[in-house]
Amino acid sequence: MVLETSDFSGGYVLGFRVEKLEEAYAEICQLFQTYIKLPFFGVECVFEEMEKRLDEVTIPRVEDKLDIIDTGYEQNINALRLRY
Protein backbone atom coordinates (compact mmCIF):
# COMPACT_ATOMS: atom_id res chain seq x y z
CA MET A 1 0.00 0.00 0.00
CA VAL A 2 1.32 3.45 -0.89
CA LEU A 3 0.13 6.61 0.86
CA GLU A 4 0.93 9.99 -0.61
CA THR A 5 0.42 13.10 1.51
CA SER A 6 -0.35 16.56 0.16
CA ASP A 7 2.32 19.21 -0.34
CA PHE A 8 0.69 21.05 2.56
CA SER A 9 1.70 18.28 4.97
CA GLY A 10 5.16 17.68 3.56
CA GLY A 11 4.52 15.76 0.34
CA TYR A 12 5.62 12.39 1.72
CA VAL A 13 5.21 9.08 -0.11
CA LEU A 14 4.97 6.19 2.34
CA GLY A 15 5.00 2.52 1.33
CA PHE A 16 3.79 -0.38 3.44
CA ARG A 17 3.46 -4.09 2.90
CA VAL A 18 -0.02 -5.08 4.04
CA GLU A 19 -1.28 -8.65 4.25
CA LYS A 20 -4.99 -7.78 4.31
CA LEU A 21 -5.16 -4.78 1.99
CA GLU A 22 -8.97 -4.59 1.75
CA GLU A 23 -9.36 -4.52 5.55
CA ALA A 24 -6.63 -1.89 5.92
CA TYR A 25 -8.23 0.25 3.20
CA ALA A 26 -11.66 0.05 4.88
CA GLU A 27 -10.15 1.04 8.24
CA ILE A 28 -8.26 3.99 6.72
CA CYS A 29 -11.43 5.22 4.97
CA GLN A 30 -13.38 5.00 8.23
CA LEU A 31 -10.69 6.89 10.16
CA PHE A 32 -10.56 9.57 7.47
CA GLN A 33 -14.34 10.03 7.55
CA THR A 34 -14.16 10.46 11.33
CA TYR A 35 -11.30 12.96 10.98
CA ILE A 36 -13.03 15.19 8.40
CA LYS A 37 -16.11 15.44 10.62
CA LEU A 38 -14.10 16.64 13.63
CA PRO A 39 -10.42 17.26 12.88
CA PHE A 40 -7.97 17.21 15.77
CA PHE A 41 -4.72 19.09 15.21
CA GLY A 42 -2.88 17.86 18.30
CA VAL A 43 -3.41 20.97 20.42
CA GLU A 44 -5.89 21.15 23.27
CA CYS A 45 -6.26 24.19 25.49
CA VAL A 46 -8.21 24.48 28.70
CA PHE A 47 -8.54 27.85 30.39
CA GLU A 48 -9.66 27.94 33.97
CA GLU A 49 -10.05 30.94 36.19
CA MET A 50 -8.06 30.37 39.36
CA GLU A 51 -8.41 32.05 42.69
CA LYS A 52 -5.85 34.78 43.21
CA ARG A 53 -3.54 34.44 46.14
CA LEU A 54 -1.98 37.50 47.65
CA ASP A 55 1.48 35.97 47.64
CA GLU A 56 1.41 34.98 43.95
CA VAL A 57 2.36 37.15 41.04
CA THR A 58 -0.14 37.00 38.20
CA ILE A 59 0.44 37.96 34.61
CA PRO A 60 -2.60 39.34 32.79
CA ARG A 61 -3.74 37.56 29.63
CA VAL A 62 -3.08 39.45 26.45
CA GLU A 63 -4.59 38.49 23.11
CA ASP A 64 -2.09 37.78 20.39
CA LYS A 65 -2.41 39.54 17.08
CA LEU A 66 -2.89 36.79 14.51
CA ASP A 67 -2.89 36.90 10.76
CA ILE A 68 -4.86 34.10 9.15
CA ILE A 69 -3.18 32.95 5.96
CA ASP A 70 -5.04 30.95 3.34
CA THR A 71 -3.02 27.76 2.91
CA GLY A 72 -5.34 25.95 0.52
CA TYR A 73 -5.86 23.24 3.14
CA GLU A 74 -9.65 23.52 2.96
CA GLN A 75 -9.56 22.99 -0.82
CA ASN A 76 -7.51 19.80 -0.36
CA ILE A 77 -9.98 18.46 2.22
CA ASN A 78 -12.94 19.28 -0.03
CA ALA A 79 -11.28 17.48 -2.94
CA LEU A 80 -10.73 14.40 -0.76
CA ARG A 81 -14.37 14.51 0.44
CA LEU A 82 -15.53 14.33 -3.16
CA ARG A 83 -13.48 11.16 -3.71
CA TYR A 84 -15.06 9.31 -0.76
PDB file of N, CA and C in Angstrom:
ATOM      1  N   MET A   1       0.858  -1.151   0.000  1.00  0.00           N
ATOM      2  CA  MET A   1       0.000   0.000   0.000  1.00  0.00           C
ATOM      3  C   MET A   1       0.913   1.225   0.000  1.00  0.00           C
ATOM      4  N   VAL A   2       0.559   2.216  -0.804  1.00  0.00           N
ATOM      5  CA  VAL A   2       1.323   3.447  -0.888  1.00  0.00           C
ATOM      6  C   VAL A   2       0.409   4.600  -0.512  1.00  0.00           C
ATOM      7  N   LEU A   3       0.852   5.414   0.449  1.00  0.00           N
ATOM      8  CA  LEU A   3       0.129   6.610   0.856  1.00  0.00           C
ATOM      9  C   LEU A   3       0.943   7.821   0.443  1.00  0.00           C
ATOM     10  N   GLU A   4       0.272   8.764  -0.207  1.00  0.00           N
ATOM     11  CA  GLU A   4       0.927   9.993  -0.614  1.00  0.00           C
ATOM     12  C   GLU A   4       0.241  11.154   0.074  1.00  0.00           C
ATOM     13  N   THR A   5       1.008  11.963   0.810  1.00  0.00           N
ATOM     14  CA  THR A   5       0.423  13.102   1.506  1.00  0.00           C
ATOM     15  C   THR A   5       0.487  14.333   0.611  1.00  0.00           C
ATOM     16  N   SER A   6      -0.316  15.325   0.954  1.00  0.00           N
ATOM     17  CA  SER A   6      -0.345  16.558   0.163  1.00  0.00           C
ATOM     18  C   SER A   6       0.929  17.361   0.383  1.00  0.00           C
ATOM     19  N   ASP A   7       1.172  18.312  -0.506  1.00  0.00           N
ATOM     20  CA  ASP A   7       2.319  19.206  -0.340  1.00  0.00           C
ATOM     21  C   ASP A   7       2.194  20.008   0.940  1.00  0.00           C
ATOM     22  N   PHE A   8       0.947  20.293   1.339  1.00  0.00           N
ATOM     23  CA  PHE A   8       0.692  21.052   2.564  1.00  0.00           C
ATOM     24  C   PHE A   8       1.274  20.355   3.792  1.00  0.00           C
ATOM     25  N   SER A   9       1.204  19.023   3.805  1.00  0.00           N
ATOM     26  CA  SER A   9       1.700  18.284   4.969  1.00  0.00           C
ATOM     27  C   SER A   9       3.081  17.680   4.741  1.00  0.00           C
ATOM     28  N   GLY A  10       3.789  18.119   3.746  1.00  0.00           N
ATOM     29  CA  GLY A  10       5.162  17.676   3.563  1.00  0.00           C
ATOM     30  C   GLY A  10       5.409  16.910   2.281  1.00  0.00           C
ATOM     31  N   GLY A  11       4.363  16.457   1.609  1.00  0.00           N
ATOM     32  CA  GLY A  11       4.522  15.756   0.344  1.00  0.00           C
ATOM     33  C   GLY A  11       5.251  14.429   0.469  1.00  0.00           C
ATOM     34  N   TYR A  12       4.961  13.677   1.510  1.00  0.00           N
ATOM     35  CA  TYR A  12       5.618  12.389   1.717  1.00  0.00           C
ATOM     36  C   TYR A  12       4.947  11.292   0.904  1.00  0.00           C
ATOM     37  N   VAL A  13       5.731  10.302   0.499  1.00  0.00           N
ATOM     38  CA  VAL A  13       5.215   9.082  -0.111  1.00  0.00           C
ATOM     39  C   VAL A  13       5.658   7.946   0.804  1.00  0.00           C
ATOM     40  N   LEU A  14       4.686   7.254   1.379  1.00  0.00           N
ATOM     41  CA  LEU A  14       4.970   6.190   2.335  1.00  0.00           C
ATOM     42  C   LEU A  14       4.521   4.858   1.754  1.00  0.00           C
ATOM     43  N   GLY A  15       5.346   3.854   1.843  1.00  0.00           N
ATOM     44  CA  GLY A  15       5.005   2.524   1.332  1.00  0.00           C
ATOM     45  C   GLY A  15       4.976   1.501   2.453  1.00  0.00           C
ATOM     46  N   PHE A  16       3.955   0.658   2.429  1.00  0.00           N
ATOM     47  CA  PHE A  16       3.791  -0.379   3.444  1.00  0.00           C
ATOM     48  C   PHE A  16       3.432  -1.699   2.772  1.00  0.00           C
ATOM     49  N   ARG A  17       3.905  -2.773   3.340  1.00  0.00           N
ATOM     50  CA  ARG A  17       3.464  -4.091   2.900  1.00  0.00           C
ATOM     51  C   ARG A  17       2.336  -4.507   3.827  1.00  0.00           C
ATOM     52  N   VAL A  18       1.169  -4.776   3.250  1.00  0.00           N
ATOM     53  CA  VAL A  18      -0.016  -5.083   4.042  1.00  0.00           C
ATOM     54  C   VAL A  18      -0.557  -6.433   3.602  1.00  0.00           C
ATOM     55  N   GLU A  19      -0.762  -7.320   4.558  1.00  0.00           N
ATOM     56  CA  GLU A  19      -1.276  -8.652   4.252  1.00  0.00           C
ATOM     57  C   GLU A  19      -2.751  -8.614   3.838  1.00  0.00           C
ATOM     58  N   LYS A  20      -3.554  -7.852   4.579  1.00  0.00           N
ATOM     59  CA  LYS A  20      -4.993  -7.781   4.312  1.00  0.00           C
ATOM     60  C   LYS A  20      -5.317  -6.368   3.824  1.00  0.00           C
ATOM     61  N   LEU A  21      -5.051  -6.114   2.554  1.00  0.00           N
ATOM     62  CA  LEU A  21      -5.159  -4.778   1.993  1.00  0.00           C
ATOM     63  C   LEU A  21      -6.582  -4.229   2.054  1.00  0.00           C
ATOM     64  N   GLU A  22      -7.586  -5.055   1.749  1.00  0.00           N
ATOM     65  CA  GLU A  22      -8.969  -4.587   1.754  1.00  0.00           C
ATOM     66  C   GLU A  22      -9.409  -4.133   3.146  1.00  0.00           C
ATOM     67  N   GLU A  23      -9.019  -4.885   4.178  1.00  0.00           N
ATOM     68  CA  GLU A  23      -9.364  -4.521   5.546  1.00  0.00           C
ATOM     69  C   GLU A  23      -8.650  -3.231   5.965  1.00  0.00           C
ATOM     70  N   ALA A  24      -7.397  -3.100   5.594  1.00  0.00           N
ATOM     71  CA  ALA A  24      -6.633  -1.888   5.922  1.00  0.00           C
ATOM     72  C   ALA A  24      -7.242  -0.683   5.217  1.00  0.00           C
ATOM     73  N   TYR A  25      -7.626  -0.841   3.955  1.00  0.00           N
ATOM     74  CA  TYR A  25      -8.233   0.252   3.203  1.00  0.00           C
ATOM     75  C   TYR A  25      -9.551   0.680   3.839  1.00  0.00           C
ATOM     76  N   ALA A  26     -10.382  -0.266   4.244  1.00  0.00           N
ATOM     77  CA  ALA A  26     -11.659   0.049   4.883  1.00  0.00           C
ATOM     78  C   ALA A  26     -11.434   0.802   6.195  1.00  0.00           C
ATOM     79  N   GLU A  27     -10.455   0.381   6.960  1.00  0.00           N
ATOM     80  CA  GLU A  27     -10.145   1.042   8.235  1.00  0.00           C
ATOM     81  C   GLU A  27      -9.654   2.465   8.005  1.00  0.00           C
ATOM     82  N   ILE A  28      -8.772   2.660   7.023  1.00  0.00           N
ATOM     83  CA  ILE A  28      -8.259   3.993   6.719  1.00  0.00           C
ATOM     84  C   ILE A  28      -9.387   4.907   6.268  1.00  0.00           C
ATOM     85  N   CYS A  29     -10.288   4.411   5.424  1.00  0.00           N
ATOM     86  CA  CYS A  29     -11.427   5.219   4.972  1.00  0.00           C
ATOM     87  C   CYS A  29     -12.316   5.619   6.141  1.00  0.00           C
ATOM     88  N   GLN A  30     -12.549   4.695   7.063  1.00  0.00           N
ATOM     89  CA  GLN A  30     -13.382   4.997   8.233  1.00  0.00           C
ATOM     90  C   GLN A  30     -12.707   6.041   9.128  1.00  0.00           C
ATOM     91  N   LEU A  31     -11.415   5.910   9.350  1.00  0.00           N
ATOM     92  CA  LEU A  31     -10.685   6.888  10.159  1.00  0.00           C
ATOM     93  C   LEU A  31     -10.695   8.260   9.500  1.00  0.00           C
ATOM     94  N   PHE A  32     -10.549   8.298   8.177  1.00  0.00           N
ATOM     95  CA  PHE A  32     -10.556   9.572   7.468  1.00  0.00           C
ATOM     96  C   PHE A  32     -11.928  10.239   7.565  1.00  0.00           C
ATOM     97  N   GLN A  33     -12.991   9.465   7.427  1.00  0.00           N
ATOM     98  CA  GLN A  33     -14.340  10.025   7.553  1.00  0.00           C
ATOM     99  C   GLN A  33     -14.555  10.616   8.942  1.00  0.00           C
ATOM    100  N   THR A  34     -14.066   9.940   9.964  1.00  0.00           N
ATOM    101  CA  THR A  34     -14.162  10.459  11.328  1.00  0.00           C
ATOM    102  C   THR A  34     -13.358  11.751  11.466  1.00  0.00           C
ATOM    103  N   TYR A  35     -12.172  11.781  10.887  1.00  0.00           N
ATOM    104  CA  TYR A  35     -11.305  12.960  10.978  1.00  0.00           C
ATOM    105  C   TYR A  35     -11.925  14.175  10.301  1.00  0.00           C
ATOM    106  N   ILE A  36     -12.507  14.011   9.103  1.00  0.00           N
ATOM    107  CA  ILE A  36     -13.031  15.185   8.401  1.00  0.00           C
ATOM    108  C   ILE A  36     -14.281  15.738   9.071  1.00  0.00           C
ATOM    109  N   LYS A  37     -14.959  14.927   9.875  1.00  0.00           N
ATOM    110  CA  LYS A  37     -16.114  15.437  10.619  1.00  0.00           C
ATOM    111  C   LYS A  37     -15.668  16.298  11.799  1.00  0.00           C
ATOM    112  N   LEU A  38     -14.592  15.914  12.462  1.00  0.00           N
ATOM    113  CA  LEU A  38     -14.103  16.643  13.628  1.00  0.00           C
ATOM    114  C   LEU A  38     -12.577  16.538  13.683  1.00  0.00           C
ATOM    115  N   PRO A  39     -11.881  17.368  12.904  1.00  0.00           N
ATOM    116  CA  PRO A  39     -10.420  17.258  12.878  1.00  0.00           C
ATOM    117  C   PRO A  39      -9.790  17.634  14.212  1.00  0.00           C
ATOM    118  N   PHE A  40      -8.732  16.945  14.562  1.00  0.00           N
ATOM    119  CA  PHE A  40      -7.968  17.208  15.772  1.00  0.00           C
ATOM    120  C   PHE A  40      -6.538  17.493  15.341  1.00  0.00           C
ATOM    121  N   PHE A  41      -6.033  18.667  15.677  1.00  0.00           N
ATOM    122  CA  PHE A  41      -4.722  19.091  15.213  1.00  0.00           C
ATOM    123  C   PHE A  41      -3.623  18.900  16.248  1.00  0.00           C
ATOM    124  N   GLY A  42      -3.902  18.167  17.327  1.00  0.00           N
ATOM    125  CA  GLY A  42      -2.881  17.862  18.305  1.00  0.00           C
ATOM    126  C   GLY A  42      -2.683  18.910  19.377  1.00  0.00           C
ATOM    127  N   VAL A  43      -3.540  19.916  19.413  1.00  0.00           N
ATOM    128  CA  VAL A  43      -3.415  20.965  20.420  1.00  0.00           C
ATOM    129  C   VAL A  43      -4.732  21.073  21.158  1.00  0.00           C
ATOM    130  N   GLU A  44      -4.672  21.021  22.464  1.00  0.00           N
ATOM    131  CA  GLU A  44      -5.886  21.146  23.269  1.00  0.00           C
ATOM    132  C   GLU A  44      -5.608  22.147  24.380  1.00  0.00           C
ATOM    133  N   CYS A  45      -6.444  23.155  24.475  1.00  0.00           N
ATOM    134  CA  CYS A  45      -6.255  24.194  25.487  1.00  0.00           C
ATOM    135  C   CYS A  45      -7.447  24.221  26.424  1.00  0.00           C
ATOM    136  N   VAL A  46      -7.166  24.343  27.694  1.00  0.00           N
ATOM    137  CA  VAL A  46      -8.212  24.482  28.701  1.00  0.00           C
ATOM    138  C   VAL A  46      -7.850  25.693  29.545  1.00  0.00           C
ATOM    139  N   PHE A  47      -8.773  26.665  29.592  1.00  0.00           N
ATOM    140  CA  PHE A  47      -8.542  27.853  30.385  1.00  0.00           C
ATOM    141  C   PHE A  47      -9.463  27.814  31.598  1.00  0.00           C
ATOM    142  N   GLU A  48      -8.896  27.941  32.741  1.00  0.00           N
ATOM    143  CA  GLU A  48      -9.664  27.943  33.973  1.00  0.00           C
ATOM    144  C   GLU A  48      -9.311  29.207  34.753  1.00  0.00           C
ATOM    145  N   GLU A  49     -10.304  29.794  35.327  1.00  0.00           N
ATOM    146  CA  GLU A  49     -10.046  30.944  36.194  1.00  0.00           C
ATOM    147  C   GLU A  49      -9.661  30.400  37.567  1.00  0.00           C
ATOM    148  N   MET A  50      -8.550  30.849  38.069  1.00  0.00           N
ATOM    149  CA  MET A  50      -8.062  30.368  39.358  1.00  0.00           C
ATOM    150  C   MET A  50      -8.191  31.493  40.388  1.00  0.00           C
ATOM    151  N   GLU A  51      -8.342  31.069  41.613  1.00  0.00           N
ATOM    152  CA  GLU A  51      -8.406  32.053  42.694  1.00  0.00           C
ATOM    153  C   GLU A  51      -7.048  32.737  42.837  1.00  0.00           C
ATOM    154  N   LYS A  52      -7.102  34.030  43.040  1.00  0.00           N
ATOM    155  CA  LYS A  52      -5.854  34.775  43.206  1.00  0.00           C
ATOM    156  C   LYS A  52      -5.403  34.678  44.658  1.00  0.00           C
ATOM    157  N   ARG A  53      -4.139  34.428  44.818  1.00  0.00           N
ATOM    158  CA  ARG A  53      -3.544  34.437  46.145  1.00  0.00           C
ATOM    159  C   ARG A  53      -2.717  35.693  46.264  1.00  0.00           C
ATOM    160  N   LEU A  54      -2.702  36.247  47.431  1.00  0.00           N
ATOM    161  CA  LEU A  54      -1.979  37.504  47.647  1.00  0.00           C
ATOM    162  C   LEU A  54      -0.484  37.344  47.459  1.00  0.00           C
ATOM    163  N   ASP A  55       0.039  36.154  47.722  1.00  0.00           N
ATOM    164  CA  ASP A  55       1.481  35.973  47.641  1.00  0.00           C
ATOM    165  C   ASP A  55       1.950  35.540  46.242  1.00  0.00           C
ATOM    166  N   GLU A  56       1.027  35.400  45.294  1.00  0.00           N
ATOM    167  CA  GLU A  56       1.408  34.983  43.948  1.00  0.00           C
ATOM    168  C   GLU A  56       1.408  36.178  43.002  1.00  0.00           C
ATOM    169  N   VAL A  57       2.310  36.136  42.075  1.00  0.00           N
ATOM    170  CA  VAL A  57       2.358  37.150  41.035  1.00  0.00           C
ATOM    171  C   VAL A  57       1.556  36.620  39.853  1.00  0.00           C
ATOM    172  N   THR A  58       0.640  37.427  39.356  1.00  0.00           N
ATOM    173  CA  THR A  58      -0.143  36.998  38.204  1.00  0.00           C
ATOM    174  C   THR A  58       0.188  37.875  37.002  1.00  0.00           C
ATOM    175  N   ILE A  59       0.182  37.252  35.863  1.00  0.00           N
ATOM    176  CA  ILE A  59       0.439  37.956  34.610  1.00  0.00           C
ATOM    177  C   ILE A  59      -0.887  38.029  33.863  1.00  0.00           C
ATOM    178  N   PRO A  60      -1.311  39.222  33.491  1.00  0.00           N
ATOM    179  CA  PRO A  60      -2.596  39.338  32.793  1.00  0.00           C
ATOM    180  C   PRO A  60      -2.526  38.698  31.408  1.00  0.00           C
ATOM    181  N   ARG A  61      -3.662  38.134  30.973  1.00  0.00           N
ATOM    182  CA  ARG A  61      -3.738  37.561  29.631  1.00  0.00           C
ATOM    183  C   ARG A  61      -3.814  38.678  28.610  1.00  0.00           C
ATOM    184  N   VAL A  62      -3.077  38.489  27.541  1.00  0.00           N
ATOM    185  CA  VAL A  62      -3.084  39.452  26.449  1.00  0.00           C
ATOM    186  C   VAL A  62      -3.363  38.673  25.173  1.00  0.00           C
ATOM    187  N   GLU A  63      -4.297  39.174  24.366  1.00  0.00           N
ATOM    188  CA  GLU A  63      -4.590  38.492  23.114  1.00  0.00           C
ATOM    189  C   GLU A  63      -3.466  38.728  22.122  1.00  0.00           C
ATOM    190  N   ASP A  64      -3.093  37.670  21.431  1.00  0.00           N
ATOM    191  CA  ASP A  64      -2.085  37.782  20.388  1.00  0.00           C
ATOM    192  C   ASP A  64      -2.726  38.335  19.126  1.00  0.00           C
ATOM    193  N   LYS A  65      -1.951  39.086  18.387  1.00  0.00           N
ATOM    194  CA  LYS A  65      -2.414  39.537  17.082  1.00  0.00           C
ATOM    195  C   LYS A  65      -2.074  38.441  16.080  1.00  0.00           C
ATOM    196  N   LEU A  66      -3.084  37.900  15.437  1.00  0.00           N
ATOM    197  CA  LEU A  66      -2.887  36.790  14.514  1.00  0.00           C
ATOM    198  C   LEU A  66      -3.281  37.203  13.115  1.00  0.00           C
ATOM    199  N   ASP A  67      -2.532  36.750  12.156  1.00  0.00           N
ATOM    200  CA  ASP A  67      -2.890  36.900  10.758  1.00  0.00           C
ATOM    201  C   ASP A  67      -3.249  35.517  10.241  1.00  0.00           C
ATOM    202  N   ILE A  68      -4.441  35.373   9.701  1.00  0.00           N
ATOM    203  CA  ILE A  68      -4.863  34.096   9.149  1.00  0.00           C
ATOM    204  C   ILE A  68      -4.467  34.074   7.682  1.00  0.00           C
ATOM    205  N   ILE A  69      -3.696  33.070   7.323  1.00  0.00           N
ATOM    206  CA  ILE A  69      -3.179  32.952   5.964  1.00  0.00           C
ATOM    207  C   ILE A  69      -3.880  31.785   5.287  1.00  0.00           C
ATOM    208  N   ASP A  70      -4.380  32.011   4.094  1.00  0.00           N
ATOM    209  CA  ASP A  70      -5.035  30.946   3.339  1.00  0.00           C
ATOM    210  C   ASP A  70      -3.970  29.989   2.821  1.00  0.00           C
ATOM    211  N   THR A  71      -4.018  28.750   3.290  1.00  0.00           N
ATOM    212  CA  THR A  71      -3.023  27.756   2.907  1.00  0.00           C
ATOM    213  C   THR A  71      -3.500  26.815   1.824  1.00  0.00           C
ATOM    214  N   GLY A  72      -4.791  26.883   1.502  1.00  0.00           N
ATOM    215  CA  GLY A  72      -5.345  25.953   0.522  1.00  0.00           C
ATOM    216  C   GLY A  72      -5.717  24.626   1.136  1.00  0.00           C
ATOM    217  N   TYR A  73      -5.563  24.498   2.458  1.00  0.00           N
ATOM    218  CA  TYR A  73      -5.857  23.235   3.138  1.00  0.00           C
ATOM    219  C   TYR A  73      -7.315  22.841   2.957  1.00  0.00           C
ATOM    220  N   GLU A  74      -8.221  23.814   3.077  1.00  0.00           N
ATOM    221  CA  GLU A  74      -9.649  23.524   2.958  1.00  0.00           C
ATOM    222  C   GLU A  74      -9.978  22.975   1.569  1.00  0.00           C
ATOM    223  N   GLN A  75      -9.330  23.484   0.533  1.00  0.00           N
ATOM    224  CA  GLN A  75      -9.562  22.988  -0.822  1.00  0.00           C
ATOM    225  C   GLN A  75      -9.120  21.538  -0.945  1.00  0.00           C
ATOM    226  N   ASN A  76      -7.989  21.182  -0.316  1.00  0.00           N
ATOM    227  CA  ASN A  76      -7.511  19.797  -0.356  1.00  0.00           C
ATOM    228  C   ASN A  76      -8.492  18.868   0.343  1.00  0.00           C
ATOM    229  N   ILE A  77      -9.018  19.281   1.488  1.00  0.00           N
ATOM    230  CA  ILE A  77      -9.983  18.458   2.218  1.00  0.00           C
ATOM    231  C   ILE A  77     -11.256  18.290   1.399  1.00  0.00           C
ATOM    232  N   ASN A  78     -11.738  19.379   0.788  1.00  0.00           N
ATOM    233  CA  ASN A  78     -12.945  19.283  -0.029  1.00  0.00           C
ATOM    234  C   ASN A  78     -12.739  18.354  -1.211  1.00  0.00           C
ATOM    235  N   ALA A  79     -11.565  18.379  -1.825  1.00  0.00           N
ATOM    236  CA  ALA A  79     -11.278  17.481  -2.944  1.00  0.00           C
ATOM    237  C   ALA A  79     -11.285  16.028  -2.480  1.00  0.00           C
ATOM    238  N   LEU A  80     -10.739  15.765  -1.281  1.00  0.00           N
ATOM    239  CA  LEU A  80     -10.735  14.397  -0.755  1.00  0.00           C
ATOM    240  C   LEU A  80     -12.150  13.955  -0.393  1.00  0.00           C
ATOM    241  N   ARG A  81     -12.988  14.868   0.104  1.00  0.00           N
ATOM    242  CA  ARG A  81     -14.365  14.512   0.435  1.00  0.00           C
ATOM    243  C   ARG A  81     -15.116  14.061  -0.805  1.00  0.00           C
ATOM    244  N   LEU A  82     -14.837  14.683  -1.928  1.00  0.00           N
ATOM    245  CA  LEU A  82     -15.527  14.328  -3.159  1.00  0.00           C
ATOM    246  C   LEU A  82     -15.152  12.917  -3.621  1.00  0.00           C
ATOM    247  N   ARG A  83     -13.944  12.491  -3.285  1.00  0.00           N
ATOM    248  CA  ARG A  83     -13.480  11.157  -3.708  1.00  0.00           C
ATOM    249  C   ARG A  83     -14.110  10.058  -2.866  1.00  0.00           C
ATOM    250  N   TYR A  84     -14.545  10.346  -1.651  1.00  0.00           N
ATOM    251  CA  TYR A  84     -15.057   9.307  -0.762  1.00  0.00           C
ATOM    252  C   TYR A  84     -16.526   9.404  -0.693  1.00  0.00           C
TER     253      TYR A  84
END
